Protein backbone atom coordinates (compact mmCIF):
# COMPACT_ATOMS: atom_id res chain seq x y z
CA MET A 1 -20.89 122.20 -150.35
CA ILE A 2 -20.23 120.40 -147.06
CA ARG A 3 -18.87 123.66 -145.56
CA SER A 4 -22.17 125.50 -146.02
CA HIS A 5 -23.63 126.78 -142.73
CA LEU A 6 -27.09 125.84 -144.11
CA LEU A 7 -26.34 122.13 -144.27
CA PRO A 8 -27.62 120.15 -141.21
CA LEU A 9 -24.78 118.40 -139.40
CA CYS A 10 -26.60 115.03 -139.43
CA ALA A 11 -27.22 115.13 -143.21
CA VAL A 12 -23.66 114.24 -144.23
CA ALA A 13 -22.56 111.34 -142.07
CA ALA A 14 -19.43 110.64 -144.08
CA SER A 15 -18.14 114.12 -143.35
CA ALA A 16 -19.20 114.24 -139.70
CA THR A 17 -15.69 114.35 -138.37
CA LEU A 18 -14.75 117.18 -140.66
CA LEU A 19 -17.88 119.11 -139.79
CA LEU A 20 -17.49 118.58 -136.07
CA THR A 21 -13.89 119.67 -136.21
CA SER A 22 -14.78 122.69 -138.27
CA CYS A 23 -17.64 123.71 -135.98
CA SER A 24 -15.61 123.20 -132.83
CA GLY A 25 -12.79 125.28 -134.22
CA GLY A 26 -15.17 128.08 -135.16
CA ALA A 27 -16.64 128.21 -131.62
CA ALA A 28 -13.20 128.49 -130.05
CA ASP A 29 -12.20 131.20 -132.46
CA ASP A 30 -15.34 133.19 -131.63
CA LYS A 31 -14.84 132.99 -127.85
CA PRO A 32 -13.41 136.29 -126.58
CA ALA A 33 -10.04 136.10 -124.89
CA HIS A 34 -9.98 136.69 -121.13
CA PRO A 35 -8.28 140.06 -120.52
CA VAL A 36 -6.17 138.61 -117.69
CA PHE A 37 -5.98 134.83 -117.80
CA ASP A 38 -5.25 134.52 -121.53
CA VAL A 39 -2.09 136.63 -121.56
CA PRO A 40 1.33 135.11 -120.66
CA VAL A 41 1.43 134.27 -116.95
CA GLY A 42 4.24 136.71 -116.26
CA GLN A 43 2.00 139.56 -117.41
CA GLN A 44 -1.11 138.50 -115.51
CA PRO A 45 -0.46 140.41 -112.24
CA ARG A 46 -0.16 143.64 -114.25
CA GLN A 47 -3.29 142.81 -116.23
CA ALA A 48 -5.14 142.00 -113.01
CA LEU A 49 -4.21 145.45 -111.73
CA LEU A 50 -5.61 147.00 -114.91
CA ALA A 51 -8.83 144.98 -114.51
CA THR A 52 -9.11 146.25 -110.95
CA GLN A 53 -8.70 149.84 -112.08
CA ALA A 54 -11.34 149.25 -114.77
CA ALA A 55 -13.86 148.45 -112.01
CA ARG A 56 -13.76 152.23 -111.33
CA THR A 57 -14.24 152.05 -107.54
CA ALA A 58 -13.24 149.65 -104.78
CA ARG A 59 -12.78 149.40 -101.05
CA PHE A 60 -9.52 148.18 -99.53
CA THR A 61 -7.97 147.16 -96.23
CA GLN A 62 -4.28 146.53 -95.68
CA ILE A 63 -2.69 145.09 -92.55
CA LEU A 64 1.07 145.63 -92.19
CA THR A 65 2.57 143.67 -89.29
CA PHE A 66 6.01 144.26 -87.77
CA THR A 67 6.97 141.32 -85.55
CA SER A 68 9.45 141.72 -82.69
CA PRO A 69 10.20 140.23 -79.26
CA SER A 70 7.99 143.04 -77.87
CA GLY A 71 5.01 141.70 -79.84
CA ASP A 72 3.32 142.75 -83.06
CA THR A 73 3.14 146.37 -84.17
CA VAL A 74 0.31 146.76 -86.68
CA GLN A 75 -0.53 149.41 -89.24
CA ARG A 76 -4.09 149.19 -90.56
CA THR A 77 -4.88 151.20 -93.68
CA SER A 78 -8.40 151.21 -95.10
CA GLY A 79 -10.63 153.27 -97.34
CA ARG A 80 -12.24 153.58 -100.75
CA ILE A 81 -10.72 154.45 -104.12
CA ASP A 82 -12.09 156.08 -107.26
CA PHE A 83 -9.53 154.92 -109.84
CA PRO A 84 -10.44 157.04 -112.90
CA GLY A 85 -11.25 160.08 -110.74
CA GLY A 86 -7.91 159.97 -108.93
CA ARG A 87 -9.68 160.27 -105.57
CA ALA A 88 -9.50 158.28 -102.36
CA ALA A 89 -10.45 158.63 -98.71
CA GLY A 90 -9.41 156.51 -95.76
CA SER A 91 -7.34 156.26 -92.61
CA ILE A 92 -4.00 154.95 -91.38
CA ASP A 93 -4.00 153.53 -87.84
CA TRP A 94 -1.00 152.27 -85.86
CA THR A 95 -1.16 149.90 -82.88
CA PRO A 96 2.38 149.66 -81.46
CA ALA A 97 3.45 146.70 -79.37
CA GLU A 98 3.26 147.65 -75.71
CA ASP A 99 6.99 147.30 -75.01
CA LEU A 100 8.28 148.46 -78.38
CA PRO A 101 11.40 150.65 -77.89
CA ASP A 102 10.84 154.37 -78.36
CA GLU A 103 13.38 154.53 -81.18
CA ALA A 104 11.40 151.96 -83.15
CA LYS A 105 8.10 153.76 -82.45
CA ASP A 106 9.58 157.00 -83.76
CA ALA A 107 10.81 155.27 -86.91
CA LEU A 108 7.39 153.73 -87.60
CA LEU A 109 4.98 156.49 -86.61
CA GLY A 110 7.27 159.38 -87.49
CA VAL A 111 9.17 161.71 -85.16
CA ARG A 112 8.07 165.13 -83.99
CA LEU A 113 9.25 167.72 -81.49
CA GLY A 114 8.65 167.46 -77.76
CA ALA A 115 8.01 164.41 -75.66
CA GLY A 116 5.48 162.70 -77.89
CA ARG A 117 5.48 161.24 -81.36
CA SER A 118 3.12 161.46 -84.28
CA PRO A 119 -0.48 160.39 -83.53
CA ALA A 120 -1.44 156.78 -84.10
CA ARG A 121 -4.30 157.75 -86.43
CA THR A 122 -4.26 159.86 -89.58
CA GLN A 123 -7.19 160.46 -91.90
CA VAL A 124 -6.30 160.94 -95.54
CA ALA A 125 -8.22 162.38 -98.50
CA VAL A 126 -6.59 162.44 -101.94
CA GLU A 127 -7.71 164.29 -105.07
CA PRO A 128 -5.84 164.81 -108.35
CA ASP A 129 -3.82 167.84 -107.20
CA THR A 130 -4.46 167.82 -103.46
CA ILE A 131 -3.60 165.68 -100.46
CA ARG A 132 -5.42 166.42 -97.21
CA LEU A 133 -4.59 164.85 -93.89
CA ARG A 134 -6.01 165.11 -90.40
CA ALA A 135 -3.75 163.91 -87.63
CA GLY A 136 -5.05 162.46 -84.38
CA GLU A 137 -7.56 164.73 -82.68
CA ALA A 138 -6.69 167.81 -84.73
CA GLY A 139 -9.65 170.09 -85.37
CA TYR A 140 -8.64 170.74 -88.98
CA TRP A 141 -7.37 169.21 -92.20
CA LEU A 142 -3.99 170.16 -93.66
CA ARG A 143 -4.17 170.67 -97.41
CA TYR A 144 -1.04 170.05 -99.49
CA GLU A 145 -1.31 171.07 -103.14
CA GLY A 146 1.11 169.97 -105.83
CA SER A 147 4.51 168.72 -104.71
CA SER A 148 5.37 169.02 -101.01
CA ASP A 149 9.12 169.50 -101.64
CA ALA A 150 8.88 173.03 -100.27
CA PHE A 151 8.26 171.63 -96.77
CA GLY A 152 11.69 170.08 -96.38
CA THR A 153 10.74 166.64 -97.62
CA GLY A 154 8.27 165.68 -100.30
CA ALA A 155 8.63 161.96 -99.79
CA ALA A 156 6.33 161.44 -96.80
CA VAL A 157 3.33 163.52 -97.86
CA ASP A 158 3.66 162.60 -101.52
CA ALA A 159 3.80 158.92 -100.55
CA LEU A 160 0.14 159.22 -99.50
CA ARG A 161 -0.66 159.38 -103.22
CA GLY A 162 -0.18 156.22 -105.20
CA ALA A 163 0.87 155.71 -108.80
CA GLU A 164 -1.53 152.81 -109.39
CA SER A 165 -4.38 154.19 -107.26
CA ALA A 166 -5.08 157.51 -105.59
CA PHE A 167 -4.27 156.09 -102.14
CA GLY A 168 -0.57 155.33 -101.77
CA GLY A 169 1.25 152.77 -99.68
CA THR A 170 -0.76 149.69 -100.64
CA LEU A 171 0.42 146.49 -102.30
CA LEU A 172 -1.28 147.61 -105.52
CA GLU A 173 1.74 149.88 -105.99
CA ILE A 174 4.19 147.03 -106.45
CA LEU A 175 2.25 144.43 -108.46
CA SER A 176 3.72 145.63 -111.75
CA GLY A 177 7.19 144.79 -110.43
CA ALA A 178 6.34 141.11 -109.89
CA GLN A 179 8.99 138.72 -111.19
CA LYS A 180 9.24 134.95 -111.55
CA VAL A 181 5.45 134.76 -111.67
CA LYS A 182 3.82 131.35 -111.58
CA GLU A 183 0.29 130.16 -111.04
CA SER A 184 -0.40 128.59 -107.67
CA PRO A 185 -1.66 124.97 -107.63
CA ALA A 186 -5.45 124.86 -108.10
CA GLU A 187 -6.08 123.31 -104.71
CA LYS A 188 -4.60 126.38 -103.02
CA VAL A 189 -6.81 128.89 -104.83
CA LYS A 190 -9.26 130.56 -102.45
CA VAL A 191 -10.89 133.52 -104.12
CA LYS A 192 -13.78 135.38 -102.55
CA GLU A 193 -16.38 137.35 -104.51
CA SER A 194 -16.12 135.08 -107.56
CA PRO A 195 -19.45 134.32 -109.28
CA ALA A 196 -20.95 130.95 -108.35
CA GLY A 197 -19.40 128.15 -110.32
CA LYS A 198 -16.52 130.27 -111.55
CA ALA A 199 -13.01 130.37 -110.14
CA GLY A 200 -10.33 132.95 -110.04
CA ARG A 201 -6.61 132.32 -109.83
CA THR A 202 -3.77 132.78 -107.41
CA TYR A 203 -0.18 133.58 -108.34
CA LEU A 204 3.18 133.38 -106.60
CA ALA A 205 5.94 135.83 -107.43
CA LYS A 206 9.06 137.62 -106.24
CA LEU A 207 10.03 141.28 -105.92
CA THR A 208 13.39 143.02 -105.82
CA ALA A 209 14.14 145.14 -102.77
CA PHE A 210 14.03 148.25 -104.97
CA ASN A 211 10.46 147.55 -106.10
CA ALA A 212 9.31 146.45 -102.64
CA LEU A 213 10.48 149.67 -100.99
CA ARG A 214 8.03 151.68 -103.10
CA LEU A 215 5.44 150.66 -100.51
CA PHE A 216 7.05 152.73 -97.74
CA PRO A 217 7.81 156.42 -97.06
CA LYS A 218 11.43 157.17 -97.93
CA ASP A 219 12.60 157.58 -94.33
CA LEU A 220 10.99 154.32 -93.20
CA GLY A 221 12.34 152.44 -96.20
CA SER A 222 15.84 153.63 -95.34
CA GLU A 223 15.47 152.00 -91.92
CA LEU A 224 14.64 148.65 -93.45
CA THR A 225 17.50 147.79 -95.75
CA ALA A 226 20.71 149.04 -97.26
CA ASN A 227 20.12 147.00 -100.44
CA ILE A 228 18.28 149.53 -102.58
CA ASP A 229 20.29 149.21 -105.79
CA PRO A 230 17.74 149.74 -108.61
CA ASN A 231 19.78 147.39 -110.77
CA GLY A 232 19.98 144.70 -108.10
CA THR A 233 18.66 141.26 -108.94
CA ALA A 234 18.16 139.93 -105.42
CA THR A 235 14.52 139.04 -104.70
CA PRO A 236 14.11 138.86 -100.92
CA VAL A 237 10.35 139.57 -101.03
CA SER A 238 7.83 136.85 -101.80
CA LEU A 239 4.38 137.78 -103.06
CA SER A 240 1.06 136.04 -103.64
CA MET A 241 -1.90 137.56 -105.47
CA SER A 242 -5.44 136.29 -105.92
CA ALA A 243 -7.82 137.44 -108.65
CA ASP A 244 -11.55 136.78 -109.04
CA ALA A 245 -13.17 135.30 -112.14
CA LYS A 246 -13.04 138.67 -113.88
CA GLY A 247 -9.33 138.94 -113.16
CA ARG A 248 -9.68 141.69 -110.54
CA VAL A 249 -7.28 141.71 -107.60
CA THR A 250 -8.98 140.53 -104.41
CA ARG A 251 -6.05 139.71 -102.14
CA VAL A 252 -2.31 140.31 -102.06
CA GLU A 253 0.13 139.04 -99.45
CA ALA A 254 3.81 139.89 -99.19
CA ASP A 255 6.61 138.81 -96.87
CA PHE A 256 9.06 141.70 -96.46
CA SER A 257 11.07 140.02 -93.71
CA GLY A 258 14.04 139.75 -96.05
CA LEU A 259 14.33 143.55 -96.04
CA LEU A 260 15.11 143.63 -92.31
CA ASP A 261 18.85 143.43 -92.86
CA LYS A 262 20.17 146.89 -92.02
CA LYS A 263 22.57 146.99 -89.10
CA ASP A 264 22.27 149.79 -86.52
CA SER A 265 18.73 150.50 -87.69
CA ALA A 266 16.01 151.64 -85.29
CA LEU A 267 14.19 148.51 -86.50
CA ASP A 268 17.04 146.04 -86.05
CA GLY A 269 15.02 144.26 -83.34
CA MET A 270 12.28 143.36 -85.80
CA THR A 271 12.09 139.70 -86.77
CA GLY A 272 9.32 139.79 -89.38
CA LEU A 273 7.40 142.11 -91.67
CA ARG A 274 4.31 141.02 -93.59
CA ALA A 275 1.47 142.74 -95.41
CA VAL A 276 -1.99 141.56 -96.42
CA LEU A 277 -4.23 143.61 -98.73
CA THR A 278 -7.87 142.78 -99.45
CA VAL A 279 -9.84 144.51 -102.18
CA GLY A 280 -13.60 144.33 -102.89
CA GLY A 281 -16.80 146.28 -103.34
CA PHE A 282 -15.98 146.82 -107.00
CA GLY A 283 -18.06 149.43 -108.78
CA LYS A 284 -20.00 150.40 -105.68
CA SER A 285 -19.97 153.65 -103.69
CA ALA A 286 -17.32 156.30 -104.31
CA PRO A 287 -15.02 157.67 -101.57
CA VAL A 288 -16.61 160.07 -99.10
CA MET A 289 -14.47 163.20 -99.18
CA PRO A 290 -14.27 165.82 -96.39
CA ALA A 291 -17.23 168.18 -96.36
CA ALA A 292 -16.66 171.74 -97.52
CA SER A 293 -17.72 172.92 -94.06
CA GLU A 294 -14.82 171.15 -92.33
CA ARG A 295 -11.96 173.43 -91.32
CA THR A 296 -8.94 173.21 -93.62
CA LEU A 297 -5.54 174.91 -93.37
CA ASP A 298 -3.42 175.58 -96.44
CA ALA A 299 -0.06 173.90 -95.77
CA LYS A 300 1.77 176.57 -97.79
CA GLU A 301 0.71 179.12 -95.18
CA ALA A 302 0.53 177.03 -92.01
CA VAL A 303 3.37 174.49 -92.20
CA THR A 304 6.77 175.97 -91.38
CA ALA A 305 10.08 175.28 -89.65
CA VAL A 306 9.81 175.78 -85.90
CA GLY A 307 12.54 178.41 -86.17
CA GLU A 308 10.18 180.52 -88.29
CA VAL A 309 7.49 180.71 -85.60
CA GLU A 310 7.69 184.16 -84.03
CA LYS A 311 8.43 184.58 -80.32
CA GLY A 312 5.20 184.11 -78.39
CA GLY A 313 3.71 182.23 -81.34
CA CYS A 314 1.94 178.88 -81.12
CA ALA A 315 2.02 175.69 -83.16
CA ASP A 316 0.91 172.09 -83.44
CA LEU A 317 3.52 169.41 -83.94
CA THR A 318 2.13 167.00 -86.52
CA THR A 319 2.53 167.99 -90.17
CA GLY A 320 2.61 164.65 -92.00
CA THR A 321 6.05 165.50 -93.41
CA ARG A 322 7.85 163.17 -90.96
CA THR A 323 10.42 165.98 -90.60
CA LEU A 324 11.41 166.77 -87.02
CA ASP A 325 11.59 170.56 -87.12
CA MET A 326 8.41 171.21 -89.13
CA VAL A 327 5.28 172.44 -87.29
CA VAL A 328 1.83 173.85 -88.02
CA SER A 329 1.62 177.50 -87.05
CA VAL A 330 -1.77 178.20 -85.43
CA PRO A 331 -3.30 181.16 -83.56
CA CYS A 332 -2.64 181.08 -79.83
CA ALA A 333 -6.32 181.79 -79.21
CA GLN A 334 -7.18 178.26 -80.36
CA PRO A 335 -5.96 174.93 -78.94
CA HIS A 336 -2.25 174.40 -79.61
CA GLU A 337 0.54 172.03 -78.60
CA VAL A 338 3.52 174.33 -78.12
CA ARG A 339 4.36 177.99 -77.50
CA VAL A 340 7.70 179.41 -78.63
CA PHE A 341 9.25 181.77 -76.08
CA ALA A 342 12.71 182.49 -77.53
CA HIS A 343 15.19 182.09 -80.37
CA ALA A 344 18.96 182.42 -80.10
CA ARG A 345 21.88 182.63 -82.51
CA PHE A 346 25.55 181.88 -81.97
CA ASP A 347 28.85 182.30 -83.72
CA PRO A 348 28.84 180.49 -87.12
CA ALA A 349 31.78 178.32 -86.05
CA TYR A 350 30.37 174.97 -84.95
CA PRO A 351 31.46 174.21 -81.35
CA GLY A 352 30.97 170.42 -81.49
CA ASP A 353 27.96 168.25 -80.65
CA LYS A 354 28.15 168.34 -76.86
CA ALA A 355 28.99 172.05 -76.69
CA ALA A 356 26.17 172.89 -79.13
CA LYS A 357 23.60 171.10 -76.97
CA ARG A 358 24.94 172.75 -73.80
CA MET A 359 24.87 176.20 -75.36
CA ALA A 360 21.29 175.69 -76.57
CA ARG A 361 20.15 174.50 -73.14
CA GLU A 362 21.79 177.40 -71.31
CA ALA A 363 20.40 179.99 -73.75
CA CYS A 364 16.87 178.65 -73.35
CA ARG A 365 17.15 178.41 -69.55
CA GLU A 366 18.10 182.09 -69.42
CA ALA A 367 15.35 183.06 -71.85
CA TYR A 368 12.78 181.04 -69.88
CA GLY A 369 13.42 183.15 -66.80
CA SER A 370 12.86 186.43 -68.64
CA ALA A 371 10.02 185.39 -70.97
CA PRO A 372 6.50 186.75 -70.34
CA ALA A 373 4.74 184.65 -67.69
CA ALA A 374 1.69 184.41 -69.97
CA TRP A 375 3.82 182.35 -72.36
CA THR A 376 5.68 180.05 -69.99
CA ARG A 377 2.81 179.29 -67.61
CA GLU A 378 1.06 177.52 -70.46
CA GLY A 379 3.60 174.72 -70.10
CA THR A 380 2.21 171.38 -68.97
CA GLU A 381 5.11 171.10 -66.48
CA LYS A 382 6.27 173.99 -64.35
CA ASP A 383 9.84 175.18 -65.03
CA HIS A 384 10.13 172.69 -67.87
CA PHE A 385 10.97 173.67 -71.44
CA TRP A 386 12.15 172.15 -74.71
CA TYR A 387 14.66 173.34 -77.27
CA THR A 388 15.94 172.50 -80.72
CA TRP A 389 19.34 173.05 -82.27
CA PRO A 390 20.82 172.06 -85.62
CA GLY A 391 23.70 169.75 -86.32
CA GLU A 392 26.98 170.87 -87.78
CA ALA A 393 25.74 171.02 -91.38
CA ARG A 394 23.05 173.59 -90.52
CA TRP A 395 24.64 175.46 -87.64
CA GLY A 396 24.50 179.19 -88.37
CA VAL A 397 23.25 178.67 -91.93
CA GLY A 398 20.86 181.26 -93.38
CA ALA A 399 18.62 183.58 -91.42
CA ASP A 400 16.92 180.92 -89.31
CA PRO A 401 17.57 181.03 -85.55
CA VAL A 402 20.13 178.50 -84.44
CA VAL A 403 18.16 177.58 -81.34
CA THR A 404 14.42 177.61 -80.67
CA CYS A 405 12.98 177.41 -77.14
CA TYR A 406 9.40 176.37 -76.43
CA VAL A 407 7.04 174.88 -73.87
CA GLU A 408 4.60 172.06 -74.50
CA THR A 409 1.06 173.19 -73.74
CA GLY A 410 -0.82 169.90 -74.08
């Protein structure tokens, strides 16, 4: 009788303790579990990622800072994500340190033919089967559909798409690999966007080098460290993650300085590498994708090896593939960055590095003198030309020209 829910609590004083205990227990049992904070702490970063994805949309900004004696080189990535729709739009902007060595700039921004390097700004738009990018001041988008392996390297373009969100290269990609997770002391928790009177949580964790390198394009990751054993147990990367009261990720910080251990790397002068990601605007506006009216080139038709550009043909130099000999073939009637004026082939027997370079230079010098003036006078510098030649492994292989000669046109 004393267990009846109809009996007033104050009516049975002798059983008050029992009733209070019973009622308190029932309230706790009825309280829904928190989807993030009530699972084991080691699983909470992964659950926080799932809670973030459940918010459907979010904005993000990530600051990646390479520290060196030349100063800080900063990559700023920002945009908006539609998690269930697999869409995202944003930009990647580099600000190199003023005195950063050219070799390091090439490694960070990506190499390309000619005197320059890849533009400091790239706009990116990602949809389920399509990645579009617009480099620098280009008047068009490049559209890559499916895998980009056919362009010599799939790693760089495909890295623009994430596994945990449509936009790749953010710290969201590596949260599931967090190890040795522990909750940060309460006094250190600083979580923005939490409802008034409610607090989120902050966690500290570690990452293996293998998991940490998922943040970077393959070629850049190879410049950072030689320790990429997927079975390795070393944890040189420290990580902190903050979640709001609903368990959604609001801030992630990582110290990748421990990855800067590769000798003879283009980045061996770097002394620090840190990343900070902020996430917010949950459930608000969706990404703004490129308008249908904006000019778009199909990469399958436009992106090619420079040796495939016909004599007299024109091209732009930034493809997003981070592969040196790939270009965007464009009509010469529109703005372009280079004009090819000759190709040359030699005996299949490789003559050695120095001889190969000399032979390429001499062949292009001769071809420059006999090429149509309409081609060579486009060059930004009079009597100045550029040339490419393959190393030993590709010398004389296939039907591609061994040497390609071109002028930069601006």
